[in-house]
Amino acid sequence: MNGTTQRLLATTAIAASASLGFAVAAAADYPERAIEMIVPWGSGGGSDVLMRIVANHAEEYVGQPMPVINMPGASGTQGLADARERAADGYTVAQIHEGLLVSYHTGLTDVHPSDFEPIASFTSSPQYLVVNADGPYDTFEEFVEYAQENPGEIRFGVTLAGVPHLHSAMMEQAADYEVSYVGHEGTGERIQALVGGHIDAAIGDIASSLEFVENGDLKFLATGATERLDATPDVPTLQELGYDLELTISRGLYAPAGTDEAILDYLSDAFEPMAEDEEFIEAINNAGAEMVLRTRDEYGEYMEELDQTVADLAEHLEQ
């Protein structure tokens, strides 16, 4: 090895060591300023409302403000495309839910959760199979039997190529029946269509549907929650009915790929005591969601498993 090569290797080693030392020091001093939270949806929607609750409580635990930056567009993917390009320094986080997987596998975007590092998820909004009260079925079993005997007859309202479409397709596959899909832009629109008798069934939630169930216009046949909820104690879960399904919208935070592990651990650890804050939990519940904490590893595993499910159903979702 000649002298020039030796000097080059030495210089490279020193530079690498200095870079590592800088990264360690930066992580040790973290956070020194506000952490921007990109929410890829407009103001007033479920993601915006719930993430603002997270942001409002986070400063006490994270040590810095977490202002919400709304970046709507392209079914929640435009803001994530921006977030993907941000510096991986811990000062940008982005809200992601299952809808990104549907958008990716149906070709709407090239943004994927693997472009980020999971931090934690906080909120779970259990979804329900909701039907018109005048329908010829009073239980999920009767619904399945009717759908099997009358393939394609049930008009099922969903957001096409969205999470409701995914959830309905998962039920179709698991219970082996067929419905006809009718597209509606949002939950409120399709629940109104259901109440009006323009469709026969839909994916809904407590916030959109409970009042219509209580006044007798609609019926909940099953919930995708992992256990029965206090608000609907008589509604069985799909799991207790024998289907290995969890149909929820889980909203959490990711950081751009390459973010220092120490920073990711800091954020994930900071959110654990926040998830036990009674005031925070009450605020989440009042917004129609459940407080369900998934840590870094748990959240990453959940999204990886769901990624394969969505990939398997992609052709069906594109129809």
C-alpha atoms as a PDB file:
ATOM      1  CA  MET A   1       0.000   0.000   0.000  1.00  0.00           C
ATOM      2  CA  ASN A   2       1.581   3.292  -1.064  1.00  0.00           C
ATOM      3  CA  GLY A   3       1.659   6.468   0.989  1.00  0.00           C
ATOM      4  CA  THR A   4      -1.040   8.200  -1.019  1.00  0.00           C
ATOM      5  CA  THR A   5      -3.462   5.331  -0.498  1.00  0.00           C
ATOM      6  CA  GLN A   6      -2.687   5.253   3.220  1.00  0.00           C
ATOM      7  CA  ARG A   7      -3.342   8.987   3.557  1.00  0.00           C
ATOM      8  CA  LEU A   8      -6.607   8.651   1.609  1.00  0.00           C
ATOM      9  CA  LEU A   9      -7.842   5.812   3.810  1.00  0.00           C
ATOM     10  CA  ALA A  10      -6.862   7.709   6.936  1.00  0.00           C
ATOM     11  CA  THR A  11      -8.670  10.834   5.744  1.00  0.00           C
ATOM     12  CA  THR A  12     -11.766   8.796   4.891  1.00  0.00           C
ATOM     13  CA  ALA A  13     -11.749   7.129   8.299  1.00  0.00           C
ATOM     14  CA  ILE A  14     -11.399  10.463  10.071  1.00  0.00           C
ATOM     15  CA  ALA A  15     -14.257  11.944   8.042  1.00  0.00           C
ATOM     16  CA  ALA A  16     -16.496   8.945   8.763  1.00  0.00           C
ATOM     17  CA  SER A  17     -15.673   9.140  12.450  1.00  0.00           C
ATOM     18  CA  ALA A  18     -16.396  12.853  12.520  1.00  0.00           C
ATOM     19  CA  SER A  19     -19.692  12.304  10.690  1.00  0.00           C
ATOM     20  CA  LEU A  20     -20.703   9.601  13.160  1.00  0.00           C
ATOM     21  CA  GLY A  21     -19.730  11.784  16.064  1.00  0.00           C
ATOM     22  CA  PHE A  22     -21.814  14.638  14.671  1.00  0.00           C
ATOM     23  CA  ALA A  23     -24.830  12.355  14.225  1.00  0.00           C
ATOM     24  CA  VAL A  24     -24.519  11.061  17.794  1.00  0.00           C
ATOM     25  CA  ALA A  25     -24.199  14.598  19.150  1.00  0.00           C
ATOM     26  CA  ALA A  26     -27.146  15.788  17.078  1.00  0.00           C
ATOM     27  CA  ALA A  27     -29.299  12.924  18.363  1.00  0.00           C
ATOM     28  CA  ALA A  28     -28.221  13.652  21.948  1.00  0.00           C
ATOM     29  CA  ASP A  29     -29.325  17.289  21.637  1.00  0.00           C
ATOM     30  CA  TYR A  30     -32.607  16.394  19.964  1.00  0.00           C
ATOM     31  CA  PRO A  31     -35.086  18.041  19.802  1.00  0.00           C
ATOM     32  CA  GLU A  32     -33.871  21.640  19.682  1.00  0.00           C
ATOM     33  CA  ARG A  33     -36.796  23.152  17.764  1.00  0.00           C
ATOM     34  CA  ALA A  34     -40.358  22.489  16.655  1.00  0.00           C
ATOM     35  CA  ILE A  35     -41.103  19.233  14.815  1.00  0.00           C
ATOM     36  CA  GLU A  36     -43.404  19.700  11.831  1.00  0.00           C
ATOM     37  CA  MET A  37     -46.231  17.184  11.501  1.00  0.00           C
ATOM     38  CA  ILE A  38     -47.377  16.842   7.890  1.00  0.00           C
ATOM     39  CA  VAL A  39     -51.013  15.752   7.674  1.00  0.00           C
ATOM     40  CA  PRO A  40     -51.739  14.903   4.014  1.00  0.00           C
ATOM     41  CA  TRP A  41     -55.421  15.771   4.286  1.00  0.00           C
ATOM     42  CA  GLY A  42     -57.433  18.982   4.510  1.00  0.00           C
ATOM     43  CA  SER A  43     -58.634  20.719   7.646  1.00  0.00           C
ATOM     44  CA  GLY A  44     -61.620  19.280   9.472  1.00  0.00           C
ATOM     45  CA  GLY A  45     -61.350  15.649   8.364  1.00  0.00           C
ATOM     46  CA  GLY A  46     -60.754  12.687  10.640  1.00  0.00           C
ATOM     47  CA  SER A  47     -56.985  12.668  10.206  1.00  0.00           C
ATOM     48  CA  ASP A  48     -56.722  16.406  10.769  1.00  0.00           C
ATOM     49  CA  VAL A  49     -58.913  16.371  13.885  1.00  0.00           C
ATOM     50  CA  LEU A  50     -57.153  13.410  15.486  1.00  0.00           C
ATOM     51  CA  MET A  51     -53.623  14.525  14.637  1.00  0.00           C
ATOM     52  CA  ARG A  52     -54.303  17.970  16.062  1.00  0.00           C
ATOM     53  CA  ILE A  53     -55.260  16.266  19.311  1.00  0.00           C
ATOM     54  CA  VAL A  54     -51.939  14.391  19.171  1.00  0.00           C
ATOM     55  CA  ALA A  55     -50.079  17.618  18.392  1.00  0.00           C
ATOM     56  CA  ASN A  56     -51.805  19.540  21.184  1.00  0.00           C
ATOM     57  CA  HIS A  57     -50.684  17.007  23.777  1.00  0.00           C
ATOM     58  CA  ALA A  58     -47.288  16.074  22.344  1.00  0.00           C
ATOM     59  CA  GLU A  59     -45.254  19.095  23.439  1.00  0.00           C
ATOM     60  CA  GLU A  60     -45.450  18.087  27.099  1.00  0.00           C
ATOM     61  CA  TYR A  61     -43.917  14.694  26.300  1.00  0.00           C
ATOM     62  CA  VAL A  62     -41.699  15.399  23.279  1.00  0.00           C
ATOM     63  CA  GLY A  63     -40.284  18.656  24.621  1.00  0.00           C
ATOM     64  CA  GLN A  64     -41.023  20.798  21.563  1.00  0.00           C
ATOM     65  CA  PRO A  65     -44.146  21.972  19.700  1.00  0.00           C
ATOM     66  CA  MET A  66     -45.441  19.792  16.855  1.00  0.00           C
ATOM     67  CA  PRO A  67     -47.347  22.154  14.538  1.00  0.00           C
ATOM     68  CA  VAL A  68     -49.700  20.488  12.056  1.00  0.00           C
ATOM     69  CA  ILE A  69     -49.008  21.298   8.396  1.00  0.00           C
ATOM     70  CA  ASN A  70     -51.962  20.336   6.180  1.00  0.00           C
ATOM     71  CA  MET A  71     -50.907  19.220   2.677  1.00  0.00           C
ATOM     72  CA  PRO A  72     -54.017  17.727   1.014  1.00  0.00           C
ATOM     73  CA  GLY A  73     -54.208  16.348  -2.491  1.00  0.00           C
ATOM     74  CA  ALA A  74     -54.204  13.125  -4.540  1.00  0.00           C
ATOM     75  CA  SER A  75     -56.057  11.046  -1.931  1.00  0.00           C
ATOM     76  CA  GLY A  76     -53.615  11.878   0.819  1.00  0.00           C
ATOM     77  CA  THR A  77     -50.475  11.134  -1.175  1.00  0.00           C
ATOM     78  CA  GLN A  78     -49.322  14.597  -2.233  1.00  0.00           C
ATOM     79  CA  GLY A  79     -48.226  15.628   1.241  1.00  0.00           C
ATOM     80  CA  LEU A  80     -46.471  12.297   1.752  1.00  0.00           C
ATOM     81  CA  ALA A  81     -44.522  12.754  -1.483  1.00  0.00           C
ATOM     82  CA  ASP A  82     -43.294  16.039  -0.019  1.00  0.00           C
ATOM     83  CA  ALA A  83     -42.523  14.478   3.353  1.00  0.00           C
ATOM     84  CA  ARG A  84     -40.507  11.722   1.687  1.00  0.00           C
ATOM     85  CA  GLU A  85     -38.081  14.335   0.348  1.00  0.00           C
ATOM     86  CA  ARG A  86     -37.618  16.179   3.630  1.00  0.00           C
ATOM     87  CA  ALA A  87     -34.334  15.986   5.549  1.00  0.00           C
ATOM     88  CA  ALA A  88     -34.087  12.883   7.743  1.00  0.00           C
ATOM     89  CA  ASP A  89     -33.187  14.974  10.787  1.00  0.00           C
ATOM     90  CA  GLY A  90     -36.162  14.269  13.040  1.00  0.00           C
ATOM     91  CA  TYR A  91     -37.801  17.638  12.450  1.00  0.00           C
ATOM     92  CA  THR A  92     -40.400  16.359   9.998  1.00  0.00           C
ATOM     93  CA  VAL A  93     -42.905  13.603  10.722  1.00  0.00           C
ATOM     94  CA  ALA A  94     -45.876  12.584   8.589  1.00  0.00           C
ATOM     95  CA  GLN A  95     -49.245  11.062   9.360  1.00  0.00           C
ATOM     96  CA  ILE A  96     -49.968   7.836   7.491  1.00  0.00           C
ATOM     97  CA  HIS A  97     -52.840   5.368   7.550  1.00  0.00           C
ATOM     98  CA  GLU A  98     -53.872   2.269   5.620  1.00  0.00           C
ATOM     99  CA  GLY A  99     -55.111   4.314   2.675  1.00  0.00           C
ATOM    100  CA  LEU A 100     -51.531   4.838   1.473  1.00  0.00           C
ATOM    101  CA  LEU A 101     -51.200   1.112   0.828  1.00  0.00           C
ATOM    102  CA  VAL A 102     -54.349   1.121  -1.287  1.00  0.00           C
ATOM    103  CA  SER A 103     -53.151   4.155  -3.257  1.00  0.00           C
ATOM    104  CA  TYR A 104     -49.771   2.513  -3.846  1.00  0.00           C
ATOM    105  CA  HIS A 105     -51.048  -0.874  -4.969  1.00  0.00           C
ATOM    106  CA  THR A 106     -53.697   0.610  -7.257  1.00  0.00           C
ATOM    107  CA  GLY A 107     -51.080   2.767  -8.976  1.00  0.00           C
ATOM    108  CA  LEU A 108     -52.190   6.154  -7.679  1.00  0.00           C
ATOM    109  CA  THR A 109     -48.776   6.919  -6.175  1.00  0.00           C
ATOM    110  CA  ASP A 110     -45.244   5.561  -5.917  1.00  0.00           C
ATOM    111  CA  VAL A 111     -45.031   6.631  -2.270  1.00  0.00           C
ATOM    112  CA  HIS A 112     -44.904   3.622   0.062  1.00  0.00           C
ATOM    113  CA  PRO A 113     -44.498   3.229   3.835  1.00  0.00           C
ATOM    114  CA  SER A 114     -41.046   1.753   3.196  1.00  0.00           C
ATOM    115  CA  ASP A 115     -39.982   5.277   2.166  1.00  0.00           C
ATOM    116  CA  PHE A 116     -40.301   6.147   5.858  1.00  0.00           C
ATOM    117  CA  GLU A 117     -39.475   4.852   9.326  1.00  0.00           C
ATOM    118  CA  PRO A 118     -42.377   4.058  11.683  1.00  0.00           C
ATOM    119  CA  ILE A 119     -42.552   5.958  14.950  1.00  0.00           C
ATOM    120  CA  ALA A 120     -45.867   4.977  16.551  1.00  0.00           C
ATOM    121  CA  SER A 121     -49.582   4.874  15.874  1.00  0.00           C
ATOM    122  CA  PHE A 122     -52.054   6.224  18.391  1.00  0.00           C
ATOM    123  CA  THR A 123     -55.628   6.144  17.193  1.00  0.00           C
ATOM    124  CA  SER A 124     -57.848   3.388  15.925  1.00  0.00           C
ATOM    125  CA  SER A 125     -61.206   4.103  14.312  1.00  0.00           C
ATOM    126  CA  PRO A 126     -63.083   0.778  14.183  1.00  0.00           C
ATOM    127  CA  GLN A 127     -65.162   0.310  11.066  1.00  0.00           C
ATOM    128  CA  TYR A 128     -68.599  -1.295  10.866  1.00  0.00           C
ATOM    129  CA  LEU A 129     -70.711  -3.126   8.350  1.00  0.00           C
ATOM    130  CA  VAL A 130     -73.800  -0.920   8.242  1.00  0.00           C
ATOM    131  CA  VAL A 131     -77.034  -1.850   6.455  1.00  0.00           C
ATOM    132  CA  ASN A 132     -80.421  -0.303   5.903  1.00  0.00           C
ATOM    133  CA  ALA A 133     -82.822  -1.299   8.673  1.00  0.00           C
ATOM    134  CA  ASP A 134     -85.324  -2.509   6.059  1.00  0.00           C
ATOM    135  CA  GLY A 135     -82.851  -5.000   4.590  1.00  0.00           C
ATOM    136  CA  PRO A 136     -83.591  -8.763   4.605  1.00  0.00           C
ATOM    137  CA  TYR A 137     -80.850  -9.554   7.121  1.00  0.00           C
ATOM    138  CA  ASP A 138     -80.469  -8.879  10.832  1.00  0.00           C
ATOM    139  CA  THR A 139     -77.104 -10.540  11.449  1.00  0.00           C
ATOM    140  CA  PHE A 140     -73.783 -10.803   9.649  1.00  0.00           C
ATOM    141  CA  GLU A 141     -74.421 -14.491   9.028  1.00  0.00           C
ATOM    142  CA  GLU A 142     -77.725 -13.677   7.330  1.00  0.00           C
ATOM    143  CA  PHE A 143     -76.017 -10.953   5.280  1.00  0.00           C
ATOM    144  CA  VAL A 144     -73.383 -13.414   4.064  1.00  0.00           C
ATOM    145  CA  GLU A 145     -75.991 -16.045   3.245  1.00  0.00           C
ATOM    146  CA  TYR A 146     -78.072 -13.533   1.279  1.00  0.00           C
ATOM    147  CA  ALA A 147     -75.020 -12.241  -0.606  1.00  0.00           C
ATOM    148  CA  GLN A 148     -73.965 -15.786  -1.487  1.00  0.00           C
ATOM    149  CA  GLU A 149     -77.432 -16.676  -2.749  1.00  0.00           C
ATOM    150  CA  ASN A 150     -77.783 -13.377  -4.641  1.00  0.00           C
ATOM    151  CA  PRO A 151     -74.313 -12.562  -6.009  1.00  0.00           C
ATOM    152  CA  GLY A 152     -73.897  -8.918  -6.973  1.00  0.00           C
ATOM    153  CA  GLU A 153     -77.391  -7.903  -5.850  1.00  0.00           C
ATOM    154  CA  ILE A 154     -76.325  -6.006  -2.719  1.00  0.00           C
ATOM    155  CA  ARG A 155     -75.347  -2.434  -3.593  1.00  0.00           C
ATOM    156  CA  PHE A 156     -72.375  -1.702  -1.341  1.00  0.00           C
ATOM    157  CA  GLY A 157     -71.221   1.888  -0.806  1.00  0.00           C
ATOM    158  CA  VAL A 158     -67.486   2.536  -0.507  1.00  0.00           C
ATOM    159  CA  THR A 159     -64.829   5.060  -1.398  1.00  0.00           C
ATOM    160  CA  LEU A 160     -63.511   3.333  -4.503  1.00  0.00           C
ATOM    161  CA  ALA A 161     -59.813   2.402  -4.206  1.00  0.00           C
ATOM    162  CA  GLY A 162     -59.905   3.688  -0.627  1.00  0.00           C
ATOM    163  CA  VAL A 163     -59.821   2.102   2.826  1.00  0.00           C
ATOM    164  CA  PRO A 164     -63.597   1.346   2.880  1.00  0.00           C
ATOM    165  CA  HIS A 165     -63.202  -0.487  -0.441  1.00  0.00           C
ATOM    166  CA  LEU A 166     -60.289  -2.441   1.011  1.00  0.00           C
ATOM    167  CA  HIS A 167     -62.260  -3.381   4.120  1.00  0.00           C
ATOM    168  CA  SER A 168     -65.260  -4.546   2.120  1.00  0.00           C
ATOM    169  CA  ALA A 169     -63.022  -6.585  -0.198  1.00  0.00           C
ATOM    170  CA  MET A 170     -61.401  -8.226   2.830  1.00  0.00           C
ATOM    171  CA  MET A 171     -64.840  -9.280   4.092  1.00  0.00           C
ATOM    172  CA  GLU A 172     -65.835 -10.524   0.633  1.00  0.00           C
ATOM    173  CA  GLN A 173     -62.726 -12.646   0.387  1.00  0.00           C
ATOM    174  CA  ALA A 174     -62.971 -14.014   3.925  1.00  0.00           C
ATOM    175  CA  ALA A 175     -66.682 -14.921   3.747  1.00  0.00           C
ATOM    176  CA  ASP A 176     -66.751 -15.837   0.028  1.00  0.00           C
ATOM    177  CA  TYR A 177     -69.560 -13.662  -1.294  1.00  0.00           C
ATOM    178  CA  GLU A 178     -69.987 -10.997  -3.962  1.00  0.00           C
ATOM    179  CA  VAL A 179     -71.499  -7.489  -3.887  1.00  0.00           C
ATOM    180  CA  SER A 180     -71.749  -4.618  -6.378  1.00  0.00           C
ATOM    181  CA  TYR A 181     -69.754  -1.532  -5.451  1.00  0.00           C
ATOM    182  CA  VAL A 182     -71.109   1.994  -5.603  1.00  0.00           C
ATOM    183  CA  GLY A 183     -68.563   4.797  -5.236  1.00  0.00           C
ATOM    184  CA  HIS A 184     -69.057   7.673  -2.803  1.00  0.00           C
ATOM    185  CA  GLU A 185     -66.471  10.343  -2.066  1.00  0.00           C
ATOM    186  CA  GLY A 186     -66.679  10.280   1.708  1.00  0.00           C
ATOM    187  CA  THR A 187     -68.188   8.464   4.671  1.00  0.00           C
ATOM    188  CA  GLY A 188     -70.893  11.048   5.249  1.00  0.00           C
ATOM    189  CA  GLU A 189     -72.028  10.879   1.620  1.00  0.00           C
ATOM    190  CA  ARG A 190     -72.351   7.110   1.532  1.00  0.00           C
ATOM    191  CA  ILE A 191     -74.136   6.909   4.890  1.00  0.00           C
ATOM    192  CA  GLN A 192     -76.675   9.458   3.655  1.00  0.00           C
ATOM    193  CA  ALA A 193     -77.127   7.339   0.526  1.00  0.00           C
ATOM    194  CA  LEU A 194     -77.686   4.312   2.743  1.00  0.00           C
ATOM    195  CA  VAL A 195     -80.269   6.113   4.857  1.00  0.00           C
ATOM    196  CA  GLY A 196     -82.005   7.229   1.644  1.00  0.00           C
ATOM    197  CA  GLY A 197     -82.188   3.653   0.328  1.00  0.00           C
ATOM    198  CA  HIS A 198     -79.930   4.318  -2.674  1.00  0.00           C
ATOM    199  CA  ILE A 199     -77.553   1.573  -1.522  1.00  0.00           C
ATOM    200  CA  ASP A 200     -78.032  -1.478   0.694  1.00  0.00           C
ATOM    201  CA  ALA A 201     -74.864  -1.603   2.778  1.00  0.00           C
ATOM    202  CA  ALA A 202     -71.752   0.405   3.529  1.00  0.00           C
ATOM    203  CA  ILE A 203     -68.637   0.681   5.608  1.00  0.00           C
ATOM    204  CA  GLY A 204     -69.238   3.228   8.373  1.00  0.00           C
ATOM    205  CA  ASP A 205     -68.098   4.186  11.838  1.00  0.00           C
ATOM    206  CA  ILE A 206     -69.548   5.408  15.097  1.00  0.00           C
ATOM    207  CA  ALA A 207     -69.176   9.077  14.243  1.00  0.00           C
ATOM    208  CA  SER A 208     -71.024   8.769  10.932  1.00  0.00           C
ATOM    209  CA  SER A 209     -73.594   6.089  11.671  1.00  0.00           C
ATOM    210  CA  LEU A 210     -74.471   5.633  15.334  1.00  0.00           C
ATOM    211  CA  GLU A 211     -77.222   8.264  15.408  1.00  0.00           C
ATOM    212  CA  PHE A 212     -78.965   6.570  12.462  1.00  0.00           C
ATOM    213  CA  VAL A 213     -78.687   3.174  14.156  1.00  0.00           C
ATOM    214  CA  GLU A 214     -80.144   4.584  17.356  1.00  0.00           C
ATOM    215  CA  ASN A 215     -83.117   6.151  15.539  1.00  0.00           C
ATOM    216  CA  GLY A 216     -83.851   2.945  13.649  1.00  0.00           C
ATOM    217  CA  ASP A 217     -82.796   3.891  10.107  1.00  0.00           C
ATOM    218  CA  LEU A 218     -79.704   1.681   9.992  1.00  0.00           C
ATOM    219  CA  LYS A 219     -78.288  -1.446  11.611  1.00  0.00           C
ATOM    220  CA  PHE A 220     -74.754  -2.409  12.602  1.00  0.00           C
ATOM    221  CA  LEU A 221     -74.159  -6.072  11.717  1.00  0.00           C
ATOM    222  CA  ALA A 222     -70.509  -6.392  12.732  1.00  0.00           C
ATOM    223  CA  THR A 223     -67.473  -4.365  13.683  1.00  0.00           C
ATOM    224  CA  GLY A 224     -63.874  -4.723  12.612  1.00  0.00           C
ATOM    225  CA  ALA A 225     -62.677  -3.848  16.127  1.00  0.00           C
ATOM    226  CA  THR A 226     -60.723  -6.519  17.994  1.00  0.00           C
ATOM    227  CA  GLU A 227     -63.232  -6.460  20.852  1.00  0.00           C
ATOM    228  CA  ARG A 228     -66.749  -5.180  21.387  1.00  0.00           C
ATOM    229  CA  LEU A 229     -66.960  -1.478  22.050  1.00  0.00           C
ATOM    230  CA  ASP A 230     -68.765   0.223  24.924  1.00  0.00           C
ATOM    231  CA  ALA A 231     -70.707   2.379  22.455  1.00  0.00           C
ATOM    232  CA  THR A 232     -72.059  -0.705  20.664  1.00  0.00           C
ATOM    233  CA  PRO A 233     -71.972  -3.592  23.156  1.00  0.00           C
ATOM    234  CA  ASP A 234     -74.451  -5.725  21.198  1.00  0.00           C
ATOM    235  CA  VAL A 235     -72.511  -5.594  17.921  1.00  0.00           C
ATOM    236  CA  PRO A 236     -70.239  -8.645  17.455  1.00  0.00           C
ATOM    237  CA  THR A 237     -66.708  -8.385  16.168  1.00  0.00           C
ATOM    238  CA  LEU A 238     -65.765 -10.144  12.961  1.00  0.00           C
ATOM    239  CA  GLN A 239     -63.141 -12.034  14.923  1.00  0.00           C
ATOM    240  CA  GLU A 240     -65.662 -13.528  17.325  1.00  0.00           C
ATOM    241  CA  LEU A 241     -67.756 -14.489  14.279  1.00  0.00           C
ATOM    242  CA  GLY A 242     -64.830 -16.563  13.082  1.00  0.00           C
ATOM    243  CA  TYR A 243     -63.074 -14.220  10.637  1.00  0.00           C
ATOM    244  CA  ASP A 244     -59.447 -13.246  11.213  1.00  0.00           C
ATOM    245  CA  LEU A 245     -60.053  -9.618  10.272  1.00  0.00           C
ATOM    246  CA  GLU A 246     -59.228  -6.304  11.881  1.00  0.00           C
ATOM    247  CA  LEU A 247     -60.960  -3.458  10.050  1.00  0.00           C
ATOM    248  CA  THR A 248     -59.822  -0.179  11.520  1.00  0.00           C
ATOM    249  CA  ILE A 249     -58.237   3.039  10.374  1.00  0.00           C
ATOM    250  CA  SER A 250     -55.035   3.390  12.374  1.00  0.00           C
ATOM    251  CA  ARG A 251     -53.407   6.790  12.236  1.00  0.00           C
ATOM    252  CA  GLY A 252     -49.784   7.147  13.205  1.00  0.00           C
ATOM    253  CA  LEU A 253     -46.545   8.960  12.500  1.00  0.00           C
ATOM    254  CA  TYR A 254     -43.589   8.127  10.282  1.00  0.00           C
ATOM    255  CA  ALA A 255     -40.269   9.908   9.721  1.00  0.00           C
ATOM    256  CA  PRO A 256     -38.307  10.068   6.437  1.00  0.00           C
ATOM    257  CA  ALA A 257     -36.106   7.042   5.785  1.00  0.00           C
ATOM    258  CA  GLY A 258     -32.608   7.441   7.177  1.00  0.00           C
ATOM    259  CA  THR A 259     -33.660   9.210  10.377  1.00  0.00           C
ATOM    260  CA  ASP A 260     -31.276   8.376  13.224  1.00  0.00           C
ATOM    261  CA  GLU A 261     -32.354   5.383  15.320  1.00  0.00           C
ATOM    262  CA  ALA A 262     -31.809   7.333  18.529  1.00  0.00           C
ATOM    263  CA  ILE A 263     -34.251  10.007  17.344  1.00  0.00           C
ATOM    264  CA  LEU A 264     -36.833   7.417  16.340  1.00  0.00           C
ATOM    265  CA  ASP A 265     -36.512   5.748  19.739  1.00  0.00           C
ATOM    266  CA  TYR A 266     -36.780   9.106  21.490  1.00  0.00           C
ATOM    267  CA  LEU A 267     -40.049   9.925  19.746  1.00  0.00           C
ATOM    268  CA  SER A 268     -41.525   6.455  20.151  1.00  0.00           C
ATOM    269  CA  ASP A 269     -40.623   6.382  23.847  1.00  0.00           C
ATOM    270  CA  ALA A 270     -42.023   9.886  24.395  1.00  0.00           C
ATOM    271  CA  PHE A 271     -45.432   8.885  23.082  1.00  0.00           C
ATOM    272  CA  GLU A 272     -45.829   5.910  25.433  1.00  0.00           C
ATOM    273  CA  PRO A 273     -46.686   7.952  28.567  1.00  0.00           C
ATOM    274  CA  MET A 274     -48.832  10.281  26.422  1.00  0.00           C
ATOM    275  CA  ALA A 275     -50.913   7.263  25.431  1.00  0.00           C
ATOM    276  CA  GLU A 276     -51.789   6.814  29.124  1.00  0.00           C
ATOM    277  CA  ASP A 277     -52.761  10.469  29.642  1.00  0.00           C
ATOM    278  CA  GLU A 278     -56.452  10.405  30.618  1.00  0.00           C
ATOM    279  CA  GLU A 279     -57.106  13.837  29.133  1.00  0.00           C
ATOM    280  CA  PHE A 280     -55.555  12.766  25.837  1.00  0.00           C
ATOM    281  CA  ILE A 281     -57.535   9.510  25.781  1.00  0.00           C
ATOM    282  CA  GLU A 282     -60.779  11.346  26.477  1.00  0.00           C
ATOM    283  CA  ALA A 283     -60.120  13.784  23.645  1.00  0.00           C
ATOM    284  CA  ILE A 284     -59.470  10.897  21.232  1.00  0.00           C
ATOM    285  CA  ASN A 285     -62.643   9.117  22.370  1.00  0.00           C
ATOM    286  CA  ASN A 286     -64.690  12.284  21.993  1.00  0.00           C
ATOM    287  CA  ALA A 287     -63.489  12.484  18.387  1.00  0.00           C
ATOM    288  CA  GLY A 288     -64.976   9.033  17.710  1.00  0.00           C
ATOM    289  CA  ALA A 289     -61.787   6.974  17.879  1.00  0.00           C
ATOM    290  CA  GLU A 290     -60.077   4.606  20.292  1.00  0.00           C
ATOM    291  CA  MET A 291     -56.639   5.119  21.820  1.00  0.00           C
ATOM    292  CA  VAL A 292     -54.568   2.134  20.691  1.00  0.00           C
ATOM    293  CA  LEU A 293     -50.797   2.548  20.905  1.00  0.00           C
ATOM    294  CA  ARG A 294     -48.564   0.621  18.533  1.00  0.00           C
ATOM    295  CA  THR A 295     -44.859   1.108  19.181  1.00  0.00           C
ATOM    296  CA  ARG A 296     -42.255   1.335  16.401  1.00  0.00           C
ATOM    297  CA  ASP A 297     -41.894  -2.406  15.883  1.00  0.00           C
ATOM    298  CA  GLU A 298     -45.588  -3.155  16.351  1.00  0.00           C
ATOM    299  CA  TYR A 299     -46.656  -0.453  13.910  1.00  0.00           C
ATOM    300  CA  GLY A 300     -44.110  -1.538  11.330  1.00  0.00           C
ATOM    301  CA  GLU A 301     -45.221  -5.174  11.574  1.00  0.00           C
ATOM    302  CA  TYR A 302     -48.902  -4.219  11.308  1.00  0.00           C
ATOM    303  CA  MET A 303     -48.323  -2.220   8.124  1.00  0.00           C
ATOM    304  CA  GLU A 304     -46.096  -4.912   6.594  1.00  0.00           C
ATOM    305  CA  GLU A 305     -48.753  -7.583   7.101  1.00  0.00           C
ATOM    306  CA  LEU A 306     -51.484  -5.327   5.720  1.00  0.00           C
ATOM    307  CA  ASP A 307     -49.246  -4.433   2.767  1.00  0.00           C
ATOM    308  CA  GLN A 308     -49.329  -8.043   1.603  1.00  0.00           C
ATOM    309  CA  THR A 309     -53.112  -8.212   2.042  1.00  0.00           C
ATOM    310  CA  VAL A 310     -53.621  -5.089  -0.054  1.00  0.00           C
ATOM    311  CA  ALA A 311     -51.217  -6.379  -2.704  1.00  0.00           C
ATOM    312  CA  ASP A 312     -53.226  -9.599  -2.939  1.00  0.00           C
ATOM    313  CA  LEU A 313     -56.474  -7.628  -3.337  1.00  0.00           C
ATOM    314  CA  ALA A 314     -55.118  -4.925  -5.657  1.00  0.00           C
ATOM    315  CA  GLU A 315     -56.672  -6.303  -8.831  1.00  0.00           C
ATOM    316  CA  HIS A 316     -60.048  -6.492  -7.117  1.00  0.00           C
ATOM    317  CA  LEU A 317     -59.721  -2.928  -5.821  1.00  0.00           C
ATOM    318  CA  GLU A 318     -58.948  -1.579  -9.293  1.00  0.00           C
ATOM    319  CA  GLN A 319     -62.221  -2.893 -10.738  1.00  0.00           C
END
